[in-house]
Amino acid sequence: MSQLDAQIKAIKEIYTEIQKSKSRIQPVIVGKFALTVYTQGMYPANIISFLYPDIQLLTKILKELGYTQMGDFWTRGDIVVEISKKFEIIPTGTFNQIEVDDFIINVISLEDLLIDMMAECTAGDETVCGLIKMLIKSYEPALDFHYIFQNLKNKQSVIKFKQYRKEALN
């Protein structure tokens, strides 16, 4: 079983346990693993980051499933889970439901992922800039650019993003 298959299996297992707890909401995949989802595994992440407001429930489930806490991370074999505390994206962020092997998972929207990535790009991470360009080129017709421009944090990010969009169209 590939690492990605093992990670998807772990996500399904965690989601199933949350459903059993009668919680009405499911975690949202954020961070680099969201990038893994949108690139269909082309850019694998070794950490699954969940955004979930009931940290106590998620912690309890991870313990019951045999994960061991190591600082901010939970590990079981080769699987590493992080409980994200980026709660600022809950009121304004958008999420997509994506079907993976007949199972629905919640993933931060591509627009919010790109906005988050732009902070790293404008800080000088050229690898992230290249990934942003690739994602814009791949998803350009489906992206909500109005939402992106409205939510980018600084002028430099807006200028750079417009440049990447123009390059993607050429």
Protein backbone atom coordinates (compact mmCIF):
# COMPACT_ATOMS: atom_id res chain seq x y z
CA MET A 1 0.00 0.00 0.00
CA SER A 2 1.40 3.41 -0.98
CA GLN A 3 1.84 6.17 1.58
CA LEU A 4 -1.06 8.10 -0.02
CA ASP A 5 -3.32 5.03 0.17
CA ALA A 6 -2.38 4.58 3.84
CA GLN A 7 -3.13 8.25 4.52
CA ILE A 8 -6.53 8.05 2.80
CA LYS A 9 -7.32 4.91 4.81
CA ALA A 10 -6.39 6.77 8.02
CA ILE A 11 -8.60 9.74 7.07
CA LYS A 12 -11.54 7.42 6.40
CA GLU A 13 -10.97 5.72 9.74
CA ILE A 14 -10.91 9.04 11.61
CA TYR A 15 -14.01 10.32 9.79
CA THR A 16 -15.85 7.07 10.55
CA GLU A 17 -15.07 7.35 14.26
CA ILE A 18 -16.23 10.98 14.31
CA GLN A 19 -19.49 9.92 12.63
CA LYS A 20 -19.95 7.21 15.27
CA SER A 21 -19.60 9.88 17.98
CA LYS A 22 -22.73 11.54 16.53
CA SER A 23 -20.82 14.74 15.75
CA ARG A 24 -22.63 16.66 13.03
CA ILE A 25 -19.46 18.06 11.50
CA GLN A 26 -16.38 16.44 10.03
CA PRO A 27 -12.79 17.73 10.05
CA VAL A 28 -11.48 19.76 7.14
CA ILE A 29 -8.17 18.86 5.50
CA VAL A 30 -5.88 21.90 5.38
CA GLY A 31 -2.23 22.61 4.73
CA LYS A 32 0.10 20.61 2.54
CA PHE A 33 -2.14 17.54 2.52
CA ALA A 34 -4.83 19.67 0.85
CA LEU A 35 -2.22 20.34 -1.85
CA THR A 36 -1.74 16.57 -2.12
CA VAL A 37 -5.50 16.18 -2.67
CA TYR A 38 -5.71 18.91 -5.34
CA THR A 39 -2.66 17.59 -7.20
CA GLN A 40 -4.01 14.02 -6.94
CA GLY A 41 -0.91 12.87 -5.11
CA MET A 42 1.65 14.56 -7.38
CA TYR A 43 2.99 16.56 -4.41
CA PRO A 44 2.79 14.19 -1.45
CA ALA A 45 2.71 15.54 2.09
CA ASN A 46 3.85 13.45 5.00
CA ILE A 47 1.48 15.16 7.47
CA ILE A 48 -2.32 15.14 7.39
CA SER A 49 -3.55 18.42 8.88
CA PHE A 50 -7.11 18.55 10.18
CA LEU A 51 -9.04 21.65 11.14
CA TYR A 52 -11.72 20.66 13.64
CA PRO A 53 -13.24 22.79 16.38
CA ASP A 54 -13.78 19.92 18.86
CA ILE A 55 -10.13 19.27 19.63
CA GLN A 56 -11.03 17.13 22.66
CA LEU A 57 -13.12 14.74 20.56
CA LEU A 58 -10.48 14.49 17.83
CA THR A 59 -7.76 13.90 20.44
CA LYS A 60 -9.87 11.17 22.09
CA ILE A 61 -10.47 9.46 18.73
CA LEU A 62 -6.79 9.60 17.77
CA LYS A 63 -5.86 8.00 21.11
CA GLU A 64 -8.50 5.28 20.65
CA LEU A 65 -7.19 4.55 17.15
CA GLY A 66 -3.70 3.99 18.56
CA TYR A 67 -2.02 7.28 17.67
CA THR A 68 0.69 8.58 20.00
CA GLN A 69 1.06 12.28 20.67
CA MET A 70 4.45 13.84 19.96
CA GLY A 71 4.22 17.59 20.57
CA ASP A 72 1.67 19.00 18.12
CA PHE A 73 1.61 15.79 16.08
CA TRP A 74 -0.02 12.39 16.42
CA THR A 75 1.71 9.36 14.93
CA ARG A 76 0.83 5.76 14.20
CA GLY A 77 3.36 3.91 12.10
CA ASP A 78 4.12 6.09 9.07
CA ILE A 79 0.96 8.18 9.48
CA VAL A 80 1.37 11.64 11.01
CA VAL A 81 -1.65 13.77 11.92
CA GLU A 82 -1.65 17.41 12.96
CA ILE A 83 -4.59 19.19 14.56
CA SER A 84 -4.50 22.64 12.98
CA LYS A 85 -5.38 25.63 15.10
CA LYS A 86 -5.95 28.00 12.16
CA PHE A 87 -9.46 28.74 13.40
CA GLU A 88 -9.43 32.17 11.73
CA ILE A 89 -10.37 30.51 8.44
CA ILE A 90 -13.56 28.93 9.82
CA PRO A 91 -15.80 32.04 9.61
CA THR A 92 -14.56 33.23 6.22
CA GLY A 93 -13.02 30.19 4.56
CA THR A 94 -14.77 27.90 2.17
CA PHE A 95 -14.50 24.15 1.96
CA ASN A 96 -15.04 21.57 -0.73
CA GLN A 97 -16.36 18.07 -0.37
CA ILE A 98 -14.27 15.72 -2.46
CA GLU A 99 -15.01 12.09 -3.17
CA VAL A 100 -12.09 9.76 -2.62
CA ASP A 101 -12.71 6.05 -3.13
CA ASP A 102 -16.50 6.47 -2.62
CA PHE A 103 -15.88 8.45 0.57
CA ILE A 104 -16.52 12.17 1.04
CA ILE A 105 -13.80 14.25 2.72
CA ASN A 106 -13.83 17.97 3.47
CA VAL A 107 -10.90 19.92 2.05
CA ILE A 108 -10.15 23.61 2.36
CA SER A 109 -11.11 25.34 -0.88
CA LEU A 110 -8.44 25.65 -3.51
CA GLU A 111 -8.88 29.44 -3.33
CA ASP A 112 -8.15 29.50 0.42
CA LEU A 113 -5.22 27.14 -0.06
CA LEU A 114 -3.78 29.47 -2.73
CA ILE A 115 -4.28 32.49 -0.46
CA ASP A 116 -2.44 30.67 2.33
CA MET A 117 0.35 29.62 -0.05
CA MET A 118 0.81 33.20 -1.30
CA ALA A 119 2.12 34.23 2.13
CA GLU A 120 4.97 31.71 1.75
CA CYS A 121 5.52 32.70 -1.89
CA THR A 122 5.83 36.42 -1.16
CA ALA A 123 8.22 35.55 1.69
CA GLY A 124 10.55 34.14 -0.96
CA ASP A 125 9.71 30.43 -1.23
CA GLU A 126 10.13 29.90 -4.98
CA THR A 127 9.00 26.26 -4.77
CA VAL A 128 5.63 27.39 -3.40
CA CYS A 129 5.45 30.10 -6.10
CA GLY A 130 5.94 27.40 -8.73
CA LEU A 131 3.19 25.27 -7.19
CA ILE A 132 0.83 28.27 -7.21
CA LYS A 133 1.53 28.81 -10.92
CA MET A 134 0.86 25.14 -11.64
CA LEU A 135 -2.42 25.16 -9.68
CA ILE A 136 -3.64 28.33 -11.39
CA LYS A 137 -2.85 26.84 -14.79
CA SER A 138 -4.59 23.56 -13.93
CA TYR A 139 -7.69 25.02 -12.29
CA GLU A 140 -7.97 28.49 -13.89
CA PRO A 141 -11.50 28.09 -15.31
CA ALA A 142 -12.87 26.93 -11.95
CA LEU A 143 -11.12 29.40 -9.62
CA ASP A 144 -13.01 32.28 -7.98
CA PHE A 145 -10.46 35.04 -8.62
CA HIS A 146 -12.73 37.70 -7.13
CA TYR A 147 -12.70 35.81 -3.82
CA ILE A 148 -8.92 35.35 -3.99
CA PHE A 149 -8.17 39.02 -4.69
CA GLN A 150 -10.63 40.09 -2.00
CA ASN A 151 -8.86 37.92 0.60
CA LEU A 152 -5.17 38.29 -0.23
CA LYS A 153 -3.52 40.07 2.70
CA ASN A 154 -1.16 42.50 0.99
CA LYS A 155 -0.63 44.40 -2.23
CA GLN A 156 2.50 42.44 -3.16
CA SER A 157 0.49 39.19 -3.06
CA VAL A 158 -2.20 40.68 -5.31
CA ILE A 159 0.36 41.90 -7.85
CA LYS A 160 2.19 38.57 -7.89
CA PHE A 161 -1.04 36.57 -8.15
CA LYS A 162 -2.28 38.68 -11.07
CA GLN A 163 1.06 38.09 -12.78
CA TYR A 164 0.77 34.31 -12.26
CA ARG A 165 -2.78 34.31 -13.60
CA LYS A 166 -1.68 36.24 -16.71
CA GLU A 167 1.19 33.78 -17.27
CA ALA A 168 -1.22 30.84 -16.90
CA LEU A 169 -3.46 32.21 -19.62
CA ASN A 170 -0.61 32.57 -22.10
